Amino acid sequence: MNIVISMFAFSLVLLIGLLWRSYRAKLRLNKSLVEKNERISDLNLMKDRLFSVVSHDLRGPMASL
């Protein structure tokens, strides 16, 4: 009977360890995803500014035609 209880306890500890590891991996991936989304937002703003400047610079010569 003690062997069954020991095996159950070991299995429970192993399961908790695997779940904890999975949880930590999920947190790391989520943090990485948030950082990448912030970077993409910053790059998108830079792209919008660049297109704004380029379109402004092209409007001048086109208007004179």
N, C-alpha and C. Protein backbone atom coordinates (compact mmCIF):
# COMPACT_ATOMS: atom_id res chain seq x y z
N MET A 1 0.81 -1.19 0.00
CA MET A 1 0.00 0.00 0.00
C MET A 1 0.87 1.27 0.00
N ASN A 2 1.99 1.24 0.75
CA ASN A 2 2.88 2.40 0.79
C ASN A 2 3.49 2.68 -0.57
N ILE A 3 3.73 1.62 -1.36
CA ILE A 3 4.32 1.79 -2.68
C ILE A 3 3.33 2.53 -3.59
N VAL A 4 2.06 2.20 -3.51
CA VAL A 4 1.04 2.85 -4.33
C VAL A 4 0.94 4.32 -3.96
N ILE A 5 0.94 4.61 -2.69
CA ILE A 5 0.87 6.01 -2.24
C ILE A 5 2.12 6.77 -2.67
N SER A 6 3.26 6.14 -2.59
CA SER A 6 4.51 6.78 -3.00
C SER A 6 4.50 7.04 -4.51
N MET A 7 4.03 6.09 -5.28
CA MET A 7 3.96 6.27 -6.73
C MET A 7 2.98 7.38 -7.09
N PHE A 8 1.85 7.44 -6.39
CA PHE A 8 0.87 8.50 -6.62
C PHE A 8 1.46 9.87 -6.27
N ALA A 9 2.15 9.96 -5.15
CA ALA A 9 2.76 11.22 -4.73
C ALA A 9 3.83 11.65 -5.74
N PHE A 10 4.64 10.69 -6.18
CA PHE A 10 5.67 11.01 -7.17
C PHE A 10 5.05 11.49 -8.48
N SER A 11 3.99 10.81 -8.91
CA SER A 11 3.30 11.21 -10.14
C SER A 11 2.70 12.60 -10.00
N LEU A 12 2.15 12.89 -8.84
CA LEU A 12 1.57 14.20 -8.60
C LEU A 12 2.63 15.29 -8.63
N VAL A 13 3.76 15.04 -7.99
CA VAL A 13 4.86 16.01 -7.99
C VAL A 13 5.38 16.21 -9.41
N LEU A 14 5.51 15.13 -10.16
CA LEU A 14 5.97 15.22 -11.54
C LEU A 14 4.99 16.03 -12.39
N LEU A 15 3.71 15.79 -12.24
CA LEU A 15 2.69 16.52 -12.98
C LEU A 15 2.73 18.01 -12.64
N ILE A 16 2.85 18.33 -11.37
CA ILE A 16 2.92 19.73 -10.95
C ILE A 16 4.17 20.39 -11.54
N GLY A 17 5.28 19.68 -11.54
CA GLY A 17 6.50 20.23 -12.12
C GLY A 17 6.36 20.50 -13.61
N LEU A 18 5.74 19.58 -14.32
CA LEU A 18 5.54 19.79 -15.76
C LEU A 18 4.59 20.95 -16.04
N LEU A 19 3.54 21.06 -15.24
CA LEU A 19 2.62 22.18 -15.41
C LEU A 19 3.29 23.51 -15.12
N TRP A 20 4.12 23.53 -14.09
CA TRP A 20 4.84 24.76 -13.74
C TRP A 20 5.79 25.17 -14.86
N ARG A 21 6.50 24.18 -15.42
CA ARG A 21 7.41 24.45 -16.52
C ARG A 21 6.66 25.01 -17.74
N SER A 22 5.53 24.42 -18.03
CA SER A 22 4.71 24.88 -19.14
C SER A 22 4.22 26.31 -18.90
N TYR A 23 3.82 26.60 -17.67
CA TYR A 23 3.35 27.93 -17.32
C TYR A 23 4.45 28.97 -17.49
N ARG A 24 5.65 28.63 -17.04
CA ARG A 24 6.79 29.56 -17.16
C ARG A 24 7.14 29.80 -18.62
N ALA A 25 7.10 28.75 -19.44
CA ALA A 25 7.39 28.89 -20.87
C ALA A 25 6.34 29.79 -21.52
N LYS A 26 5.10 29.61 -21.12
CA LYS A 26 4.02 30.45 -21.66
C LYS A 26 4.24 31.91 -21.29
N LEU A 27 4.65 32.18 -20.05
CA LEU A 27 4.92 33.56 -19.64
C LEU A 27 6.07 34.18 -20.44
N ARG A 28 7.14 33.39 -20.66
CA ARG A 28 8.27 33.90 -21.46
C ARG A 28 7.84 34.23 -22.88
N LEU A 29 7.07 33.34 -23.49
CA LEU A 29 6.62 33.57 -24.86
C LEU A 29 5.69 34.77 -24.94
N ASN A 30 4.84 34.92 -23.94
CA ASN A 30 3.92 36.06 -23.92
C ASN A 30 4.69 37.38 -23.79
N LYS A 31 5.70 37.39 -22.93
CA LYS A 31 6.52 38.60 -22.77
C LYS A 31 7.24 38.93 -24.08
N SER A 32 7.75 37.92 -24.74
CA SER A 32 8.43 38.12 -26.01
C SER A 32 7.46 38.66 -27.06
N LEU A 33 6.25 38.14 -27.07
CA LEU A 33 5.25 38.59 -28.03
C LEU A 33 4.87 40.04 -27.79
N VAL A 34 4.73 40.43 -26.54
CA VAL A 34 4.39 41.82 -26.21
C VAL A 34 5.51 42.75 -26.67
N GLU A 35 6.76 42.37 -26.43
CA GLU A 35 7.89 43.19 -26.85
C GLU A 35 7.93 43.33 -28.37
N LYS A 36 7.69 42.23 -29.07
CA LYS A 36 7.70 42.28 -30.54
C LYS A 36 6.56 43.13 -31.07
N ASN A 37 5.40 43.06 -30.44
CA ASN A 37 4.27 43.89 -30.86
C ASN A 37 4.58 45.38 -30.67
N GLU A 38 5.24 45.71 -29.56
CA GLU A 38 5.63 47.11 -29.34
C GLU A 38 6.62 47.56 -30.40
N ARG A 39 7.56 46.70 -30.75
CA ARG A 39 8.55 47.02 -31.78
C ARG A 39 7.87 47.23 -33.13
N ILE A 40 6.90 46.37 -33.44
CA ILE A 40 6.17 46.50 -34.71
C ILE A 40 5.39 47.81 -34.74
N SER A 41 4.79 48.18 -33.63
CA SER A 41 4.05 49.45 -33.56
C SER A 41 4.98 50.63 -33.79
N ASP A 42 6.16 50.60 -33.17
CA ASP A 42 7.13 51.67 -33.38
C ASP A 42 7.56 51.74 -34.83
N LEU A 43 7.83 50.60 -35.45
CA LEU A 43 8.24 50.59 -36.85
C LEU A 43 7.12 51.07 -37.76
N ASN A 44 5.90 50.75 -37.42
CA ASN A 44 4.76 51.20 -38.22
C ASN A 44 4.63 52.72 -38.15
N LEU A 45 4.86 53.30 -36.97
CA LEU A 45 4.83 54.77 -36.85
C LEU A 45 5.95 55.41 -37.67
N MET A 46 7.14 54.80 -37.65
CA MET A 46 8.24 55.32 -38.46
C MET A 46 7.90 55.26 -39.95
N LYS A 47 7.28 54.17 -40.38
CA LYS A 47 6.88 54.03 -41.78
C LYS A 47 5.87 55.11 -42.15
N ASP A 48 4.90 55.36 -41.29
CA ASP A 48 3.90 56.38 -41.57
C ASP A 48 4.53 57.76 -41.68
N ARG A 49 5.48 58.06 -40.81
CA ARG A 49 6.17 59.35 -40.88
C ARG A 49 6.98 59.48 -42.17
N LEU A 50 7.66 58.40 -42.54
CA LEU A 50 8.45 58.42 -43.77
C LEU A 50 7.56 58.65 -44.98
N PHE A 51 6.45 57.93 -45.06
CA PHE A 51 5.54 58.12 -46.20
C PHE A 51 4.95 59.51 -46.21
N SER A 52 4.71 60.07 -45.04
CA SER A 52 4.19 61.42 -44.96
C SER A 52 5.20 62.42 -45.54
N VAL A 53 6.45 62.26 -45.16
CA VAL A 53 7.50 63.17 -45.67
C VAL A 53 7.69 62.98 -47.16
N VAL A 54 7.74 61.75 -47.62
CA VAL A 54 7.94 61.48 -49.04
C VAL A 54 6.78 62.02 -49.86
N SER A 55 5.54 61.80 -49.40
CA SER A 55 4.39 62.29 -50.16
C SER A 55 4.38 63.82 -50.19
N HIS A 56 4.79 64.44 -49.10
CA HIS A 56 4.86 65.91 -49.07
C HIS A 56 5.91 66.40 -50.05
N ASP A 57 7.05 65.74 -50.09
CA ASP A 57 8.12 66.15 -51.00
C ASP A 57 7.74 65.93 -52.45
N LEU A 58 6.94 64.94 -52.73
CA LEU A 58 6.54 64.67 -54.11
C LEU A 58 5.40 65.57 -54.56
N ARG A 59 4.60 66.05 -53.63
CA ARG A 59 3.47 66.91 -53.99
C ARG A 59 3.92 68.24 -54.58
N GLY A 60 5.03 68.77 -54.06
CA GLY A 60 5.53 70.06 -54.55
C GLY A 60 5.87 70.03 -56.04
N PRO A 61 6.75 69.16 -56.50
CA PRO A 61 7.07 69.12 -57.92
C PRO A 61 5.87 68.72 -58.80
N MET A 62 5.00 67.87 -58.31
CA MET A 62 3.84 67.46 -59.09
C MET A 62 2.87 68.63 -59.28
N ALA A 63 2.76 69.49 -58.27
CA ALA A 63 1.83 70.62 -58.36
C ALA A 63 2.32 71.62 -59.39
N SER A 64 3.62 71.75 -59.56
CA SER A 64 4.15 72.72 -60.52
C SER A 64 3.98 72.26 -61.96
N LEU A 65 3.76 70.96 -62.15
CA LEU A 65 3.54 70.46 -63.51
C LEU A 65 2.16 70.86 -63.95
